[in-house]
N, C-alpha and C. Protein backbone atom coordinates (compact mmCIF):
# COMPACT_ATOMS: atom_id res chain seq x y z
N MET A 1 -33.94 13.13 8.44
CA MET A 1 -33.60 13.65 7.12
C MET A 1 -33.70 12.52 6.11
N THR A 2 -34.25 12.85 5.01
CA THR A 2 -34.36 11.86 3.96
C THR A 2 -33.36 12.19 2.87
N LEU A 3 -33.30 11.32 1.92
CA LEU A 3 -32.39 11.50 0.79
C LEU A 3 -32.74 12.75 0.00
N LYS A 4 -34.02 13.11 0.02
CA LYS A 4 -34.49 14.28 -0.72
C LYS A 4 -33.81 15.56 -0.22
N HIS A 5 -33.58 15.67 1.11
CA HIS A 5 -32.92 16.86 1.66
C HIS A 5 -31.51 17.03 1.09
N PHE A 6 -30.80 15.93 0.96
CA PHE A 6 -29.43 16.01 0.47
C PHE A 6 -29.38 16.30 -1.03
N ILE A 7 -30.36 15.82 -1.76
CA ILE A 7 -30.40 16.09 -3.20
C ILE A 7 -30.75 17.55 -3.45
N GLU A 8 -31.70 18.07 -2.67
CA GLU A 8 -32.11 19.46 -2.86
C GLU A 8 -31.10 20.44 -2.29
N ARG A 9 -30.28 20.01 -1.35
CA ARG A 9 -29.31 20.90 -0.70
C ARG A 9 -27.91 20.29 -0.79
N PRO A 10 -27.25 20.43 -1.95
CA PRO A 10 -25.92 19.83 -2.09
C PRO A 10 -24.88 20.46 -1.17
N VAL A 11 -25.07 21.72 -0.80
CA VAL A 11 -24.11 22.36 0.12
C VAL A 11 -24.18 21.68 1.48
N LEU A 12 -25.38 21.38 1.94
CA LEU A 12 -25.55 20.68 3.21
C LEU A 12 -24.86 19.31 3.16
N ALA A 13 -25.03 18.60 2.07
CA ALA A 13 -24.39 17.29 1.92
C ALA A 13 -22.87 17.44 1.94
N SER A 14 -22.36 18.46 1.27
CA SER A 14 -20.91 18.68 1.25
C SER A 14 -20.39 19.03 2.64
N VAL A 15 -21.09 19.88 3.36
CA VAL A 15 -20.65 20.27 4.70
C VAL A 15 -20.65 19.07 5.64
N ILE A 16 -21.69 18.26 5.58
CA ILE A 16 -21.74 17.06 6.43
C ILE A 16 -20.60 16.11 6.07
N SER A 17 -20.31 15.95 4.80
CA SER A 17 -19.20 15.08 4.38
C SER A 17 -17.87 15.61 4.89
N ILE A 18 -17.66 16.91 4.79
CA ILE A 18 -16.41 17.51 5.26
C ILE A 18 -16.28 17.36 6.77
N VAL A 19 -17.37 17.55 7.51
CA VAL A 19 -17.33 17.39 8.96
C VAL A 19 -16.98 15.94 9.33
N ILE A 20 -17.54 14.98 8.62
CA ILE A 20 -17.22 13.57 8.89
C ILE A 20 -15.75 13.28 8.61
N VAL A 21 -15.22 13.82 7.51
CA VAL A 21 -13.81 13.60 7.18
C VAL A 21 -12.91 14.25 8.22
N ILE A 22 -13.23 15.47 8.63
CA ILE A 22 -12.42 16.16 9.64
C ILE A 22 -12.47 15.40 10.96
N GLY A 23 -13.65 14.90 11.32
CA GLY A 23 -13.77 14.09 12.54
C GLY A 23 -12.92 12.83 12.47
N GLY A 24 -12.90 12.20 11.31
CA GLY A 24 -12.06 11.01 11.13
C GLY A 24 -10.58 11.33 11.23
N LEU A 25 -10.16 12.45 10.66
CA LEU A 25 -8.75 12.84 10.73
C LEU A 25 -8.35 13.17 12.17
N ILE A 26 -9.24 13.84 12.90
CA ILE A 26 -8.94 14.14 14.31
C ILE A 26 -8.84 12.84 15.10
N GLY A 27 -9.76 11.92 14.85
CA GLY A 27 -9.71 10.63 15.54
C GLY A 27 -8.45 9.86 15.20
N LEU A 28 -8.03 9.90 13.95
CA LEU A 28 -6.81 9.21 13.54
C LEU A 28 -5.58 9.82 14.20
N ALA A 29 -5.56 11.14 14.30
CA ALA A 29 -4.40 11.81 14.90
C ALA A 29 -4.33 11.58 16.41
N THR A 30 -5.48 11.44 17.07
CA THR A 30 -5.47 11.31 18.53
C THR A 30 -5.53 9.87 19.02
N LEU A 31 -5.75 8.91 18.15
CA LEU A 31 -5.82 7.51 18.56
C LEU A 31 -4.43 7.02 18.94
N PRO A 32 -4.26 6.49 20.14
CA PRO A 32 -2.94 5.98 20.52
C PRO A 32 -2.55 4.77 19.67
N VAL A 33 -1.27 4.62 19.46
CA VAL A 33 -0.76 3.54 18.64
C VAL A 33 -1.13 2.19 19.24
N GLU A 34 -1.25 2.10 20.55
CA GLU A 34 -1.59 0.83 21.20
C GLU A 34 -2.97 0.34 20.79
N GLN A 35 -3.83 1.25 20.35
CA GLN A 35 -5.19 0.86 20.00
C GLN A 35 -5.36 0.54 18.52
N TYR A 36 -4.29 0.64 17.74
CA TYR A 36 -4.38 0.23 16.34
C TYR A 36 -4.53 -1.28 16.29
N PRO A 37 -5.23 -1.80 15.32
CA PRO A 37 -5.36 -3.26 15.25
C PRO A 37 -4.03 -3.92 14.87
N ASP A 38 -3.82 -5.13 15.38
CA ASP A 38 -2.61 -5.87 15.02
C ASP A 38 -2.73 -6.34 13.58
N ILE A 39 -1.68 -6.09 12.82
CA ILE A 39 -1.65 -6.50 11.42
C ILE A 39 -0.52 -7.51 11.27
N ALA A 40 -0.88 -8.71 10.96
CA ALA A 40 0.12 -9.77 10.80
C ALA A 40 0.32 -10.04 9.31
N PRO A 41 1.57 -10.17 8.89
CA PRO A 41 1.81 -10.50 7.49
C PRO A 41 1.30 -11.90 7.19
N PRO A 42 0.93 -12.15 5.96
CA PRO A 42 0.46 -13.50 5.63
C PRO A 42 1.58 -14.52 5.79
N THR A 43 1.23 -15.68 6.27
CA THR A 43 2.22 -16.74 6.44
C THR A 43 1.78 -17.97 5.66
N VAL A 44 2.77 -18.72 5.23
CA VAL A 44 2.52 -19.95 4.50
C VAL A 44 3.35 -21.04 5.15
N MET A 45 2.71 -22.18 5.43
CA MET A 45 3.43 -23.30 5.99
C MET A 45 3.34 -24.46 5.00
N VAL A 46 4.49 -24.99 4.61
CA VAL A 46 4.54 -26.08 3.65
C VAL A 46 5.32 -27.22 4.27
N ARG A 47 4.79 -28.42 4.14
CA ARG A 47 5.50 -29.61 4.59
C ARG A 47 5.81 -30.46 3.37
N ALA A 48 7.04 -30.90 3.30
CA ALA A 48 7.45 -31.77 2.19
C ALA A 48 8.30 -32.89 2.75
N SER A 49 8.12 -34.06 2.22
CA SER A 49 8.95 -35.18 2.67
C SER A 49 9.60 -35.83 1.44
N TYR A 50 10.79 -36.29 1.66
CA TYR A 50 11.55 -36.95 0.61
C TYR A 50 12.24 -38.13 1.29
N PRO A 51 11.55 -39.23 1.45
CA PRO A 51 12.10 -40.37 2.20
C PRO A 51 13.42 -40.88 1.61
N GLY A 52 14.39 -41.07 2.47
CA GLY A 52 15.66 -41.65 2.07
C GLY A 52 16.66 -40.65 1.52
N ALA A 53 16.31 -39.37 1.44
CA ALA A 53 17.23 -38.37 0.88
C ALA A 53 18.01 -37.70 2.00
N SER A 54 19.20 -37.23 1.65
CA SER A 54 20.02 -36.52 2.63
C SER A 54 19.51 -35.07 2.76
N ALA A 55 19.98 -34.38 3.78
CA ALA A 55 19.56 -33.00 4.01
C ALA A 55 19.96 -32.11 2.83
N GLU A 56 21.13 -32.33 2.28
CA GLU A 56 21.60 -31.52 1.15
C GLU A 56 20.73 -31.75 -0.09
N THR A 57 20.37 -33.00 -0.34
CA THR A 57 19.52 -33.31 -1.48
C THR A 57 18.13 -32.69 -1.32
N ILE A 58 17.59 -32.75 -0.11
CA ILE A 58 16.28 -32.14 0.14
C ILE A 58 16.35 -30.64 -0.07
N GLN A 59 17.41 -30.03 0.40
CA GLN A 59 17.53 -28.58 0.24
C GLN A 59 17.60 -28.19 -1.23
N LYS A 60 18.40 -28.91 -2.00
CA LYS A 60 18.58 -28.56 -3.42
C LYS A 60 17.35 -28.89 -4.27
N SER A 61 16.73 -30.05 -4.00
CA SER A 61 15.66 -30.48 -4.90
C SER A 61 14.25 -30.16 -4.41
N VAL A 62 14.09 -29.83 -3.12
CA VAL A 62 12.75 -29.56 -2.61
C VAL A 62 12.63 -28.14 -2.06
N ILE A 63 13.48 -27.79 -1.10
CA ILE A 63 13.32 -26.53 -0.38
C ILE A 63 13.55 -25.32 -1.28
N VAL A 64 14.64 -25.30 -2.01
CA VAL A 64 14.95 -24.14 -2.86
C VAL A 64 13.87 -23.91 -3.92
N PRO A 65 13.45 -24.93 -4.68
CA PRO A 65 12.38 -24.69 -5.65
C PRO A 65 11.06 -24.25 -5.01
N LEU A 66 10.73 -24.81 -3.85
CA LEU A 66 9.51 -24.39 -3.16
C LEU A 66 9.59 -22.93 -2.73
N GLU A 67 10.71 -22.52 -2.15
CA GLU A 67 10.88 -21.13 -1.73
C GLU A 67 10.77 -20.19 -2.92
N GLN A 68 11.38 -20.54 -4.03
CA GLN A 68 11.31 -19.69 -5.22
C GLN A 68 9.87 -19.57 -5.72
N ALA A 69 9.16 -20.68 -5.75
CA ALA A 69 7.77 -20.65 -6.23
C ALA A 69 6.88 -19.85 -5.29
N ILE A 70 7.05 -20.03 -4.00
CA ILE A 70 6.23 -19.30 -3.03
C ILE A 70 6.57 -17.82 -3.04
N ASN A 71 7.84 -17.50 -3.16
CA ASN A 71 8.25 -16.09 -3.19
C ASN A 71 7.72 -15.39 -4.44
N CYS A 72 7.63 -16.10 -5.53
CA CYS A 72 7.05 -15.50 -6.73
C CYS A 72 5.59 -15.18 -6.52
N LEU A 73 4.89 -16.01 -5.75
CA LEU A 73 3.47 -15.78 -5.47
C LEU A 73 3.26 -14.67 -4.46
N LEU A 74 4.07 -14.63 -3.43
CA LEU A 74 3.86 -13.71 -2.32
C LEU A 74 4.68 -12.42 -2.40
N TYR A 75 5.68 -12.38 -3.25
CA TYR A 75 6.59 -11.22 -3.35
C TYR A 75 7.23 -10.88 -2.02
N THR A 76 7.65 -11.91 -1.27
CA THR A 76 8.31 -11.67 0.00
C THR A 76 9.60 -12.47 0.03
N SER A 77 10.43 -12.14 0.99
CA SER A 77 11.68 -12.87 1.14
C SER A 77 11.43 -14.09 2.04
N PRO A 78 12.20 -15.13 1.87
CA PRO A 78 11.97 -16.33 2.66
C PRO A 78 12.33 -16.14 4.12
N SER A 79 11.56 -16.74 5.00
CA SER A 79 11.88 -16.74 6.42
C SER A 79 11.55 -18.14 6.96
N PRO A 80 12.51 -19.06 6.84
CA PRO A 80 12.24 -20.44 7.25
C PRO A 80 12.01 -20.56 8.74
N ARG A 81 11.12 -21.49 9.13
CA ARG A 81 10.84 -21.78 10.53
C ARG A 81 11.01 -23.26 10.77
N ASP A 82 11.47 -23.60 11.96
CA ASP A 82 11.65 -25.00 12.31
C ASP A 82 10.36 -25.58 12.84
């Protein structure tokens, strides 16, 4: 079939489109959850050093501002990792 068939027969094109959509919906409904692709949220890893500062100073002057800036960019809540 060429493009000309679909232009001359819009009903045929519509029926084929509907059949494809229905086939996709049936496939979506019958696909087991185990076969869905893994979707991982985006992660950001930042390293910062502040030589000679205490843990409290680093938290107040480095970690908190970095978390706020990153959260503004990502619209997510912080989840610190060691």
